Protein backbone atom coordinates (compact mmCIF):
# COMPACT_ATOMS: atom_id res chain seq x y z
CA UNK A 1 -24.43 177.97 -49.13
CA UNK A 2 -27.07 180.81 -49.63
CA UNK A 3 -26.77 180.66 -53.80
CA UNK A 4 -27.41 177.14 -52.99
CA UNK A 5 -30.57 177.62 -51.45
CA UNK A 6 -31.30 180.71 -53.40
CA UNK A 7 -31.10 178.83 -56.67
CA UNK A 8 -33.57 176.11 -55.73
CA UNK A 9 -36.43 178.27 -54.76
CA UNK A 10 -36.24 180.57 -57.78
CA UNK A 11 -35.26 177.91 -60.54
CA UNK A 12 -39.18 176.68 -60.68
CA UNK A 13 -40.15 180.37 -61.45
CA UNK A 14 -38.04 181.06 -64.08
CA UNK A 15 -38.63 177.58 -66.06
CA UNK A 16 -42.39 177.93 -65.51
CA UNK A 17 -42.09 181.80 -67.13
CA UNK A 18 -40.14 180.66 -69.68
CA UNK A 19 -42.39 177.74 -70.66
CA UNK A 20 -45.53 179.75 -70.29
CA UNK A 21 -43.50 182.21 -72.89
CA UNK A 22 -42.84 180.02 -75.00
CA UNK A 23 -46.43 178.31 -75.28
CA UNK A 24 -47.82 182.20 -75.39
CA UNK A 25 -45.36 182.46 -78.75
CA UNK A 26 -46.88 179.49 -79.72
CA UNK A 27 -50.26 179.93 -79.83
CA UNK A 28 -50.26 183.69 -81.04
CA UNK A 29 -48.42 182.67 -83.90
CA UNK A 30 -50.93 180.00 -84.74
CA UNK A 31 -54.00 182.22 -83.97
CA UNK A 32 -52.00 184.77 -86.24
CA UNK A 33 -51.56 182.49 -89.13
CA UNK A 34 -55.16 181.01 -88.63
CA UNK A 35 -57.02 184.65 -88.28
CA UNK A 36 -55.51 185.01 -91.96
CA UNK A 37 -56.53 182.19 -93.51
CA UNK A 38 -59.88 182.04 -91.86
CA UNK A 39 -61.03 185.62 -91.34
CA UNK A 40 -63.92 186.39 -89.31
CA UNK A 41 -66.58 188.98 -89.82
CA UNK A 42 -69.71 188.99 -92.46
CA UNK A 43 -68.81 186.76 -95.45
CA UNK A 44 -70.13 188.50 -98.82
CA UNK A 45 -72.59 186.80 -100.81
CA UNK A 46 -71.66 185.79 -104.13
């Protein structure tokens, strides 16, 4: 009985942490790929 009660309150935190980790991984990947394609800083005049 205690395991069922414990499971119900901890599950939302575990799911939220997993979702945030996945979103952070995707955002970090996209920022890394975009930064290589469009580098910041002063652009050289040609």
